[in-house]
Amino acid sequence: MREESEQYSELLKSARAPHWLGLVGYGIVLFAFVVSVVNALLPEPNAFVAKILMPFIFVGIASLLYHIGQHVHAVHQNALRMVMMESELSGEKPDHVTEKGDKNC
């Protein structure tokens, strides 16, 4: 029981994305928005700025989605751990574990 608990805690630690990754993604998207507004207010908008905004937005949204996905993965692993702990306390076998102890997730 103790070894499984340590294994699950290590799994959760490895599943978490760094907090700064979400902040960087949000900052990139916000920066791209501010630059696009400033570029639109100029008398002659810069074509280079208009061309570079799409990759900035893509990178920002990709890092945000990666961070969200890692968070959802960690929550799912935590939920599985809680189900396993409840089943061990009640003496029942959880639905997602086969006879051999393999997880069917």
PDB file of N, CA and C in Angstrom:
ATOM      1  N   MET A   1       0.830  -1.193   0.000  1.00  0.00           N
ATOM      2  CA  MET A   1       0.000   0.000   0.000  1.00  0.00           C
ATOM      3  C   MET A   1       0.876   1.259   0.000  1.00  0.00           C
ATOM      4  N   ARG A   2       1.901   1.250   0.814  1.00  0.00           N
ATOM      5  CA  ARG A   2       2.779   2.419   0.921  1.00  0.00           C
ATOM      6  C   ARG A   2       3.548   2.631  -0.376  1.00  0.00           C
ATOM      7  N   GLU A   3       4.005   1.539  -1.006  1.00  0.00           N
ATOM      8  CA  GLU A   3       4.747   1.653  -2.253  1.00  0.00           C
ATOM      9  C   GLU A   3       3.858   2.200  -3.367  1.00  0.00           C
ATOM     10  N   GLU A   4       2.593   1.748  -3.405  1.00  0.00           N
ATOM     11  CA  GLU A   4       1.662   2.245  -4.417  1.00  0.00           C
ATOM     12  C   GLU A   4       1.378   3.728  -4.201  1.00  0.00           C
ATOM     13  N   SER A   5       1.262   4.114  -2.943  1.00  0.00           N
ATOM     14  CA  SER A   5       1.019   5.516  -2.622  1.00  0.00           C
ATOM     15  C   SER A   5       2.173   6.393  -3.099  1.00  0.00           C
ATOM     16  N   GLU A   6       3.387   5.933  -2.869  1.00  0.00           N
ATOM     17  CA  GLU A   6       4.556   6.682  -3.327  1.00  0.00           C
ATOM     18  C   GLU A   6       4.629   6.704  -4.853  1.00  0.00           C
ATOM     19  N   GLN A   7       4.256   5.588  -5.477  1.00  0.00           N
ATOM     20  CA  GLN A   7       4.260   5.517  -6.938  1.00  0.00           C
ATOM     21  C   GLN A   7       3.253   6.501  -7.521  1.00  0.00           C
ATOM     22  N   TYR A   8       2.069   6.580  -6.926  1.00  0.00           N
ATOM     23  CA  TYR A   8       1.059   7.507  -7.425  1.00  0.00           C
ATOM     24  C   TYR A   8       1.468   8.960  -7.204  1.00  0.00           C
ATOM     25  N   SER A   9       2.101   9.246  -6.081  1.00  0.00           N
ATOM     26  CA  SER A   9       2.530  10.626  -5.841  1.00  0.00           C
ATOM     27  C   SER A   9       3.624  11.033  -6.822  1.00  0.00           C
ATOM     28  N   GLU A  10       4.522  10.100  -7.156  1.00  0.00           N
ATOM     29  CA  GLU A  10       5.548  10.392  -8.166  1.00  0.00           C
ATOM     30  C   GLU A  10       4.921  10.594  -9.535  1.00  0.00           C
ATOM     31  N   LEU A  11       3.895   9.804  -9.852  1.00  0.00           N
ATOM     32  CA  LEU A  11       3.205   9.954 -11.133  1.00  0.00           C
ATOM     33  C   LEU A  11       2.534  11.319 -11.233  1.00  0.00           C
ATOM     34  N   LEU A  12       1.914  11.751 -10.153  1.00  0.00           N
ATOM     35  CA  LEU A  12       1.263  13.059 -10.161  1.00  0.00           C
ATOM     36  C   LEU A  12       2.280  14.188 -10.287  1.00  0.00           C
ATOM     37  N   LYS A  13       3.431  14.037  -9.636  1.00  0.00           N
ATOM     38  CA  LYS A  13       4.463  15.070  -9.747  1.00  0.00           C
ATOM     39  C   LYS A  13       4.976  15.179 -11.174  1.00  0.00           C
ATOM     40  N   SER A  14       5.137  14.039 -11.838  1.00  0.00           N
ATOM     41  CA  SER A  14       5.656  14.068 -13.199  1.00  0.00           C
ATOM     42  C   SER A  14       4.610  14.521 -14.199  1.00  0.00           C
ATOM     43  N   ALA A  15       3.332  14.429 -13.847  1.00  0.00           N
ATOM     44  CA  ALA A  15       2.264  14.784 -14.783  1.00  0.00           C
ATOM     45  C   ALA A  15       1.987  16.285 -14.793  1.00  0.00           C
ATOM     46  N   ARG A  16       2.429  16.981 -13.793  1.00  0.00           N
ATOM     47  CA  ARG A  16       2.111  18.405 -13.708  1.00  0.00           C
ATOM     48  C   ARG A  16       3.048  19.224 -14.576  1.00  0.00           C
ATOM     49  N   ALA A  17       2.438  20.110 -15.362  1.00  0.00           N
ATOM     50  CA  ALA A  17       3.221  21.049 -16.163  1.00  0.00           C
ATOM     51  C   ALA A  17       3.641  22.204 -15.258  1.00  0.00           C
ATOM     52  N   PRO A  18       4.766  22.815 -15.547  1.00  0.00           N
ATOM     53  CA  PRO A  18       5.186  23.965 -14.729  1.00  0.00           C
ATOM     54  C   PRO A  18       4.162  25.103 -14.804  1.00  0.00           C
ATOM     55  N   HIS A  19       3.970  25.775 -13.703  1.00  0.00           N
ATOM     56  CA  HIS A  19       2.996  26.862 -13.632  1.00  0.00           C
ATOM     57  C   HIS A  19       3.358  27.993 -14.585  1.00  0.00           C
ATOM     58  N   TRP A  20       4.636  28.225 -14.765  1.00  0.00           N
ATOM     59  CA  TRP A  20       5.063  29.336 -15.618  1.00  0.00           C
ATOM     60  C   TRP A  20       4.694  29.106 -17.072  1.00  0.00           C
ATOM     61  N   LEU A  21       4.485  27.850 -17.480  1.00  0.00           N
ATOM     62  CA  LEU A  21       4.145  27.575 -18.870  1.00  0.00           C
ATOM     63  C   LEU A  21       2.799  28.190 -19.247  1.00  0.00           C
ATOM     64  N   GLY A  22       1.830  28.071 -18.366  1.00  0.00           N
ATOM     65  CA  GLY A  22       0.535  28.693 -18.616  1.00  0.00           C
ATOM     66  C   GLY A  22       0.629  30.208 -18.634  1.00  0.00           C
ATOM     67  N   LEU A  23       1.434  30.762 -17.739  1.00  0.00           N
ATOM     68  CA  LEU A  23       1.593  32.213 -17.697  1.00  0.00           C
ATOM     69  C   LEU A  23       2.302  32.741 -18.941  1.00  0.00           C
ATOM     70  N   VAL A  24       3.289  31.994 -19.420  1.00  0.00           N
ATOM     71  CA  VAL A  24       3.997  32.407 -20.640  1.00  0.00           C
ATOM     72  C   VAL A  24       3.046  32.379 -21.834  1.00  0.00           C
ATOM     73  N   GLY A  25       2.237  31.334 -21.932  1.00  0.00           N
ATOM     74  CA  GLY A  25       1.263  31.249 -23.024  1.00  0.00           C
ATOM     75  C   GLY A  25       0.276  32.401 -22.987  1.00  0.00           C
ATOM     76  N   TYR A  26      -0.230  32.702 -21.798  1.00  0.00           N
ATOM     77  CA  TYR A  26      -1.151  33.826 -21.660  1.00  0.00           C
ATOM     78  C   TYR A  26      -0.451  35.143 -22.009  1.00  0.00           C
ATOM     79  N   GLY A  27       0.784  35.290 -21.584  1.00  0.00           N
ATOM     80  CA  GLY A  27       1.534  36.511 -21.884  1.00  0.00           C
ATOM     81  C   GLY A  27       1.788  36.684 -23.371  1.00  0.00           C
ATOM     82  N   ILE A  28       2.092  35.599 -24.069  1.00  0.00           N
ATOM     83  CA  ILE A  28       2.329  35.676 -25.511  1.00  0.00           C
ATOM     84  C   ILE A  28       1.054  36.095 -26.239  1.00  0.00           C
ATOM     85  N   VAL A  29      -0.078  35.500 -25.865  1.00  0.00           N
ATOM     86  CA  VAL A  29      -1.345  35.863 -26.504  1.00  0.00           C
ATOM     87  C   VAL A  29      -1.695  37.318 -26.205  1.00  0.00           C
ATOM     88  N   LEU A  30      -1.498  37.746 -24.965  1.00  0.00           N
ATOM     89  CA  LEU A  30      -1.779  39.141 -24.598  1.00  0.00           C
ATOM     90  C   LEU A  30      -0.856  40.094 -25.341  1.00  0.00           C
ATOM     91  N   PHE A  31       0.426  39.743 -25.447  1.00  0.00           N
ATOM     92  CA  PHE A  31       1.376  40.567 -26.184  1.00  0.00           C
ATOM     93  C   PHE A  31       0.963  40.686 -27.656  1.00  0.00           C
ATOM     94  N   ALA A  32       0.565  39.576 -28.265  1.00  0.00           N
ATOM     95  CA  ALA A  32       0.134  39.600 -29.666  1.00  0.00           C
ATOM     96  C   ALA A  32      -1.101  40.476 -29.840  1.00  0.00           C
ATOM     97  N   PHE A  33      -2.019  40.431 -28.875  1.00  0.00           N
ATOM     98  CA  PHE A  33      -3.213  41.269 -28.951  1.00  0.00           C
ATOM     99  C   PHE A  33      -2.847  42.753 -28.876  1.00  0.00           C
ATOM    100  N   VAL A  34      -1.991  43.106 -27.936  1.00  0.00           N
ATOM    101  CA  VAL A  34      -1.591  44.513 -27.778  1.00  0.00           C
ATOM    102  C   VAL A  34      -0.870  45.009 -29.031  1.00  0.00           C
ATOM    103  N   VAL A  35       0.032  44.188 -29.576  1.00  0.00           N
ATOM    104  CA  VAL A  35       0.763  44.578 -30.781  1.00  0.00           C
ATOM    105  C   VAL A  35      -0.193  44.751 -31.961  1.00  0.00           C
ATOM    106  N   SER A  36      -1.190  43.876 -32.072  1.00  0.00           N
ATOM    107  CA  SER A  36      -2.135  44.006 -33.184  1.00  0.00           C
ATOM    108  C   SER A  36      -2.989  45.265 -33.047  1.00  0.00           C
ATOM    109  N   VAL A  37      -3.371  45.615 -31.824  1.00  0.00           N
ATOM    110  CA  VAL A  37      -4.151  46.843 -31.619  1.00  0.00           C
ATOM    111  C   VAL A  37      -3.302  48.066 -31.942  1.00  0.00           C
ATOM    112  N   VAL A  38      -2.058  48.077 -31.462  1.00  0.00           N
ATOM    113  CA  VAL A  38      -1.168  49.206 -31.754  1.00  0.00           C
ATOM    114  C   VAL A  38      -0.899  49.304 -33.255  1.00  0.00           C
ATOM    115  N   ASN A  39      -0.716  48.171 -33.904  1.00  0.00           N
ATOM    116  CA  ASN A  39      -0.471  48.168 -35.343  1.00  0.00           C
ATOM    117  C   ASN A  39      -1.699  48.671 -36.112  1.00  0.00           C
ATOM    118  N   ALA A  40      -2.881  48.341 -35.639  1.00  0.00           N
ATOM    119  CA  ALA A  40      -4.103  48.799 -36.313  1.00  0.00           C
ATOM    120  C   ALA A  40      -4.310  50.301 -36.133  1.00  0.00           C
ATOM    121  N   LEU A  41      -3.809  50.872 -35.048  1.00  0.00           N
ATOM    122  CA  LEU A  41      -3.989  52.301 -34.794  1.00  0.00           C
ATOM    123  C   LEU A  41      -2.977  53.172 -35.542  1.00  0.00           C
ATOM    124  N   LEU A  42      -1.937  52.570 -36.072  1.00  0.00           N
ATOM    125  CA  LEU A  42      -0.938  53.336 -36.826  1.00  0.00           C
ATOM    126  C   LEU A  42      -1.530  53.822 -38.143  1.00  0.00           C
ATOM    127  N   PRO A  43      -1.051  54.976 -38.628  1.00  0.00           N
ATOM    128  CA  PRO A  43      -1.556  55.471 -39.909  1.00  0.00           C
ATOM    129  C   PRO A  43      -1.247  54.514 -41.066  1.00  0.00           C
ATOM    130  N   GLU A  44      -0.085  53.890 -41.028  1.00  0.00           N
ATOM    131  CA  GLU A  44       0.292  52.897 -42.035  1.00  0.00           C
ATOM    132  C   GLU A  44       0.688  51.612 -41.304  1.00  0.00           C
ATOM    133  N   PRO A  45      -0.231  50.649 -41.211  1.00  0.00           N
ATOM    134  CA  PRO A  45       0.086  49.401 -40.494  1.00  0.00           C
ATOM    135  C   PRO A  45       1.260  48.657 -41.146  1.00  0.00           C
ATOM    136  N   ASN A  46       2.085  48.082 -40.320  1.00  0.00           N
ATOM    137  CA  ASN A  46       3.272  47.358 -40.759  1.00  0.00           C
ATOM    138  C   ASN A  46       2.868  45.948 -41.197  1.00  0.00           C
ATOM    139  N   ALA A  47       3.243  45.551 -42.405  1.00  0.00           N
ATOM    140  CA  ALA A  47       2.883  44.235 -42.929  1.00  0.00           C
ATOM    141  C   ALA A  47       3.635  43.123 -42.201  1.00  0.00           C
ATOM    142  N   PHE A  48       4.867  43.399 -41.780  1.00  0.00           N
ATOM    143  CA  PHE A  48       5.643  42.385 -41.061  1.00  0.00           C
ATOM    144  C   PHE A  48       4.974  42.016 -39.749  1.00  0.00           C
ATOM    145  N   VAL A  49       4.474  43.023 -39.051  1.00  0.00           N
ATOM    146  CA  VAL A  49       3.801  42.764 -37.779  1.00  0.00           C
ATOM    147  C   VAL A  49       2.551  41.924 -38.014  1.00  0.00           C
ATOM    148  N   ALA A  50       1.819  42.215 -39.058  1.00  0.00           N
ATOM    149  CA  ALA A  50       0.615  41.441 -39.364  1.00  0.00           C
ATOM    150  C   ALA A  50       0.962  39.986 -39.688  1.00  0.00           C
ATOM    151  N   LYS A  51       2.101  39.759 -40.340  1.00  0.00           N
ATOM    152  CA  LYS A  51       2.492  38.394 -40.696  1.00  0.00           C
ATOM    153  C   LYS A  51       3.025  37.606 -39.510  1.00  0.00           C
ATOM    154  N   ILE A  52       3.639  38.273 -38.559  1.00  0.00           N
ATOM    155  CA  ILE A  52       4.251  37.570 -37.427  1.00  0.00           C
ATOM    156  C   ILE A  52       3.252  37.315 -36.297  1.00  0.00           C
ATOM    157  N   LEU A  53       2.097  37.945 -36.316  1.00  0.00           N
ATOM    158  CA  LEU A  53       1.132  37.781 -35.228  1.00  0.00           C
ATOM    159  C   LEU A  53       0.551  36.371 -35.167  1.00  0.00           C
ATOM    160  N   MET A  54       0.265  35.768 -36.315  1.00  0.00           N
ATOM    161  CA  MET A  54      -0.331  34.434 -36.307  1.00  0.00           C
ATOM    162  C   MET A  54       0.582  33.398 -35.635  1.00  0.00           C
ATOM    163  N   PRO A  55       1.870  33.343 -35.932  1.00  0.00           N
ATOM    164  CA  PRO A  55       2.723  32.390 -35.195  1.00  0.00           C
ATOM    165  C   PRO A  55       2.796  32.682 -33.696  1.00  0.00           C
ATOM    166  N   PHE A  56       2.811  33.955 -33.313  1.00  0.00           N
ATOM    167  CA  PHE A  56       2.805  34.288 -31.891  1.00  0.00           C
ATOM    168  C   PHE A  56       1.558  33.750 -31.212  1.00  0.00           C
ATOM    169  N   ILE A  57       0.405  33.970 -31.831  1.00  0.00           N
ATOM    170  CA  ILE A  57      -0.848  33.492 -31.253  1.00  0.00           C
ATOM    171  C   ILE A  57      -0.850  31.966 -31.204  1.00  0.00           C
ATOM    172  N   PHE A  58      -0.347  31.325 -32.252  1.00  0.00           N
ATOM    173  CA  PHE A  58      -0.297  29.863 -32.289  1.00  0.00           C
ATOM    174  C   PHE A  58       0.558  29.307 -31.153  1.00  0.00           C
ATOM    175  N   VAL A  59       1.733  29.870 -30.946  1.00  0.00           N
ATOM    176  CA  VAL A  59       2.617  29.396 -29.876  1.00  0.00           C
ATOM    177  C   VAL A  59       1.994  29.647 -28.509  1.00  0.00           C
ATOM    178  N   GLY A  60       1.386  30.797 -28.329  1.00  0.00           N
ATOM    179  CA  GLY A  60       0.755  31.106 -27.049  1.00  0.00           C
ATOM    180  C   GLY A  60      -0.393  30.170 -26.727  1.00  0.00           C
ATOM    181  N   ILE A  61      -1.256  29.936 -27.696  1.00  0.00           N
ATOM    182  CA  ILE A  61      -2.390  29.047 -27.462  1.00  0.00           C
ATOM    183  C   ILE A  61      -1.916  27.607 -27.291  1.00  0.00           C
ATOM    184  N   ALA A  62      -0.896  27.196 -28.030  1.00  0.00           N
ATOM    185  CA  ALA A  62      -0.375  25.836 -27.880  1.00  0.00           C
ATOM    186  C   ALA A  62       0.185  25.612 -26.479  1.00  0.00           C
ATOM    187  N   SER A  63       0.913  26.575 -25.947  1.00  0.00           N
ATOM    188  CA  SER A  63       1.451  26.392 -24.596  1.00  0.00           C
ATOM    189  C   SER A  63       0.340  26.418 -23.550  1.00  0.00           C
ATOM    190  N   LEU A  64      -0.691  27.229 -23.770  1.00  0.00           N
ATOM    191  CA  LEU A  64      -1.836  27.212 -22.855  1.00  0.00           C
ATOM    192  C   LEU A  64      -2.541  25.860 -22.896  1.00  0.00           C
ATOM    193  N   LEU A  65      -2.774  25.324 -24.082  1.00  0.00           N
ATOM    194  CA  LEU A  65      -3.459  24.042 -24.201  1.00  0.00           C
ATOM    195  C   LEU A  65      -2.628  22.905 -23.615  1.00  0.00           C
ATOM    196  N   TYR A  66      -1.323  22.943 -23.792  1.00  0.00           N
ATOM    197  CA  TYR A  66      -0.463  21.928 -23.197  1.00  0.00           C
ATOM    198  C   TYR A  66      -0.564  21.968 -21.671  1.00  0.00           C
ATOM    199  N   HIS A  67      -0.537  23.159 -21.123  1.00  0.00           N
ATOM    200  CA  HIS A  67      -0.635  23.317 -19.673  1.00  0.00           C
ATOM    201  C   HIS A  67      -1.981  22.796 -19.171  1.00  0.00           C
ATOM    202  N   ILE A  68      -3.062  23.124 -19.862  1.00  0.00           N
ATOM    203  CA  ILE A  68      -4.394  22.659 -19.469  1.00  0.00           C
ATOM    204  C   ILE A  68      -4.465  21.131 -19.571  1.00  0.00           C
ATOM    205  N   GLY A  69      -3.910  20.571 -20.635  1.00  0.00           N
ATOM    206  CA  GLY A  69      -3.919  19.120 -20.800  1.00  0.00           C
ATOM    207  C   GLY A  69      -3.168  18.400 -19.703  1.00  0.00           C
ATOM    208  N   GLN A  70      -2.033  18.937 -19.294  1.00  0.00           N
ATOM    209  CA  GLN A  70      -1.278  18.324 -18.207  1.00  0.00           C
ATOM    210  C   GLN A  70      -2.044  18.404 -16.896  1.00  0.00           C
ATOM    211  N   HIS A  71      -2.751  19.500 -16.687  1.00  0.00           N
ATOM    212  CA  HIS A  71      -3.553  19.641 -15.477  1.00  0.00           C
ATOM    213  C   HIS A  71      -4.687  18.616 -15.470  1.00  0.00           C
ATOM    214  N   VAL A  72      -5.371  18.449 -16.598  1.00  0.00           N
ATOM    215  CA  VAL A  72      -6.461  17.478 -16.692  1.00  0.00           C
ATOM    216  C   VAL A  72      -5.926  16.061 -16.477  1.00  0.00           C
ATOM    217  N   HIS A  73      -4.750  15.766 -17.010  1.00  0.00           N
ATOM    218  CA  HIS A  73      -4.142  14.452 -16.814  1.00  0.00           C
ATOM    219  C   HIS A  73      -3.868  14.205 -15.332  1.00  0.00           C
ATOM    220  N   ALA A  74      -3.348  15.187 -14.644  1.00  0.00           N
ATOM    221  CA  ALA A  74      -3.062  15.039 -13.215  1.00  0.00           C
ATOM    222  C   ALA A  74      -4.346  14.844 -12.416  1.00  0.00           C
ATOM    223  N   VAL A  75      -5.403  15.566 -12.779  1.00  0.00           N
ATOM    224  CA  VAL A  75      -6.686  15.403 -12.088  1.00  0.00           C
ATOM    225  C   VAL A  75      -7.237  13.996 -12.319  1.00  0.00           C
ATOM    226  N   HIS A  76      -7.108  13.483 -13.550  1.00  0.00           N
ATOM    227  CA  HIS A  76      -7.580  12.140 -13.851  1.00  0.00           C
ATOM    228  C   HIS A  76      -6.809  11.096 -13.059  1.00  0.00           C
ATOM    229  N   GLN A  77      -5.502  11.230 -12.982  1.00  0.00           N
ATOM    230  CA  GLN A  77      -4.704  10.287 -12.209  1.00  0.00           C
ATOM    231  C   GLN A  77      -5.067  10.342 -10.730  1.00  0.00           C
ATOM    232  N   ASN A  78      -5.354  11.528 -10.230  1.00  0.00           N
ATOM    233  CA  ASN A  78      -5.755  11.677  -8.837  1.00  0.00           C
ATOM    234  C   ASN A  78      -7.101  11.004  -8.600  1.00  0.00           C
ATOM    235  N   ALA A  79      -8.025  11.143  -9.549  1.00  0.00           N
ATOM    236  CA  ALA A  79      -9.329  10.504  -9.413  1.00  0.00           C
ATOM    237  C   ALA A  79      -9.181   8.982  -9.406  1.00  0.00           C
ATOM    238  N   LEU A  80      -8.324   8.433 -10.276  1.00  0.00           N
ATOM    239  CA  LEU A  80      -8.088   6.988 -10.283  1.00  0.00           C
ATOM    240  C   LEU A  80      -7.493   6.529  -8.959  1.00  0.00           C
ATOM    241  N   ARG A  81      -6.576   7.306  -8.424  1.00  0.00           N
ATOM    242  CA  ARG A  81      -5.967   6.953  -7.145  1.00  0.00           C
ATOM    243  C   ARG A  81      -7.008   6.932  -6.035  1.00  0.00           C
ATOM    244  N   MET A  82      -7.929   7.910  -6.045  1.00  0.00           N
ATOM    245  CA  MET A  82      -8.968   7.955  -5.019  1.00  0.00           C
ATOM    246  C   MET A  82      -9.915   6.769  -5.139  1.00  0.00           C
ATOM    247  N   VAL A  83     -10.257   6.367  -6.375  1.00  0.00           N
ATOM    248  CA  VAL A  83     -11.124   5.204  -6.569  1.00  0.00           C
ATOM    249  C   VAL A  83     -10.438   3.948  -6.053  1.00  0.00           C
ATOM    250  N   MET A  84      -9.158   3.806  -6.341  1.00  0.00           N
ATOM    251  CA  MET A  84      -8.423   2.624  -5.870  1.00  0.00           C
ATOM    252  C   MET A  84      -8.350   2.598  -4.346  1.00  0.00           C
ATOM    253  N   MET A  85      -8.136   3.756  -3.736  1.00  0.00           N
ATOM    254  CA  MET A  85      -8.061   3.802  -2.274  1.00  0.00           C
ATOM    255  C   MET A  85      -9.409   3.467  -1.649  1.00  0.00           C
ATOM    256  N   GLU A  86     -10.497   3.982  -2.231  1.00  0.00           N
ATOM    257  CA  GLU A  86     -11.828   3.668  -1.703  1.00  0.00           C
ATOM    258  C   GLU A  86     -12.145   2.189  -1.836  1.00  0.00           C
ATOM    259  N   SER A  87     -11.753   1.598  -2.962  1.00  0.00           N
ATOM    260  CA  SER A  87     -12.031   0.173  -3.159  1.00  0.00           C
ATOM    261  C   SER A  87     -11.193  -0.688  -2.209  1.00  0.00           C
ATOM    262  N   GLU A  88      -9.977  -0.253  -1.898  1.00  0.00           N
ATOM    263  CA  GLU A  88      -9.155  -1.007  -0.951  1.00  0.00           C
ATOM    264  C   GLU A  88      -9.740  -0.932   0.452  1.00  0.00           C
ATOM    265  N   LEU A  89     -10.306   0.215   0.815  1.00  0.00           N
ATOM    266  CA  LEU A  89     -10.904   0.360   2.138  1.00  0.00           C
ATOM    267  C   LEU A  89     -12.176  -0.460   2.262  1.00  0.00           C
ATOM    268  N   SER A  90     -12.969  -0.516   1.191  1.00  0.00           N
ATOM    269  CA  SER A  90     -14.230  -1.251   1.246  1.00  0.00           C
ATOM    270  C   SER A  90     -14.039  -2.737   0.935  1.00  0.00           C
ATOM    271  N   GLY A  91     -12.893  -3.132   0.415  1.00  0.00           N
ATOM    272  CA  GLY A  91     -12.626  -4.525   0.096  1.00  0.00           C
ATOM    273  C   GLY A  91     -13.128  -4.942  -1.273  1.00  0.00           C
ATOM    274  N   GLU A  92     -13.680  -4.021  -2.048  1.00  0.00           N
ATOM    275  CA  GLU A  92     -14.171  -4.338  -3.389  1.00  0.00           C
ATOM    276  C   GLU A  92     -13.056  -4.155  -4.403  1.00  0.00           C
ATOM    277  N   LYS A  93     -13.220  -4.832  -5.541  1.00  0.00           N
ATOM    278  CA  LYS A  93     -12.263  -4.679  -6.630  1.00  0.00           C
ATOM    279  C   LYS A  93     -12.776  -3.597  -7.575  1.00  0.00           C
ATOM    280  N   PRO A  94     -11.977  -2.585  -7.904  1.00  0.00           N
ATOM    281  CA  PRO A  94     -12.456  -1.541  -8.811  1.00  0.00           C
ATOM    282  C   PRO A  94     -12.718  -2.080 -10.216  1.00  0.00           C
ATOM    283  N   ASP A  95     -13.583  -1.407 -10.943  1.00  0.00           N
ATOM    284  CA  ASP A  95     -13.987  -1.834 -12.284  1.00  0.00           C
ATOM    285  C   ASP A  95     -12.851  -1.764 -13.289  1.00  0.00           C
ATOM    286  N   HIS A  96     -11.932  -0.855 -13.126  1.00  0.00           N
ATOM    287  CA  HIS A  96     -10.896  -0.647 -14.133  1.00  0.00           C
ATOM    288  C   HIS A  96      -9.647  -1.500 -13.913  1.00  0.00           C
ATOM    289  N   VAL A  97      -9.685  -2.448 -12.977  1.00  0.00           N
ATOM    290  CA  VAL A  97      -8.548  -3.321 -12.735  1.00  0.00           C
ATOM    291  C   VAL A  97      -8.960  -4.753 -13.070  1.00  0.00           C
ATOM    292  N   THR A  98      -8.164  -5.433 -13.881  1.00  0.00           N
ATOM    293  CA  THR A  98      -8.456  -6.814 -14.257  1.00  0.00           C
ATOM    294  C   THR A  98      -7.931  -7.774 -13.204  1.00  0.00           C
ATOM    295  N   GLU A  99      -8.083  -9.066 -13.463  1.00  0.00           N
ATOM    296  CA  GLU A  99      -7.622 -10.088 -12.531  1.00  0.00           C
ATOM    297  C   GLU A  99      -6.123 -10.018 -12.291  1.00  0.00           C
ATOM    298  N   LYS A 100      -5.360  -9.663 -13.310  1.00  0.00           N
ATOM    299  CA  LYS A 100      -3.901  -9.635 -13.202  1.00  0.00           C
ATOM    300  C   LYS A 100      -3.404  -8.348 -12.530  1.00  0.00           C
ATOM    301  N   GLY A 101      -4.298  -7.403 -12.317  1.00  0.00           N
ATOM    302  CA  GLY A 101      -3.889  -6.151 -11.714  1.00  0.00           C
ATOM    303  C   GLY A 101      -3.529  -5.090 -12.733  1.00  0.00           C
ATOM    304  N   ASP A 102      -3.724  -5.389 -14.025  1.00  0.00           N
ATOM    305  CA  ASP A 102      -3.435  -4.405 -15.067  1.00  0.00           C
ATOM    306  C   ASP A 102      -4.570  -3.403 -15.142  1.00  0.00           C
ATOM    307  N   LYS A 103      -4.222  -2.173 -15.427  1.00  0.00           N
ATOM    308  CA  LYS A 103      -5.241  -1.126 -15.563  1.00  0.00           C
ATOM    309  C   LYS A 103      -5.703  -1.068 -17.007  1.00  0.00           C
ATOM    310  N   ASN A 104      -6.993  -0.982 -17.176  1.00  0.00           N
ATOM    311  CA  ASN A 104      -7.570  -0.866 -18.528  1.00  0.00           C
ATOM    312  C   ASN A 104      -8.006   0.558 -18.775  1.00  0.00           C
ATOM    313  N   CYS A 105      -7.083   1.479 -18.738  1.00  0.00           N
ATOM    314  CA  CYS A 105      -7.418   2.894 -18.930  1.00  0.00           C
ATOM    315  C   CYS A 105      -7.026   3.353 -20.284  1.00  0.00           C
TER     316      CYS A 105
END
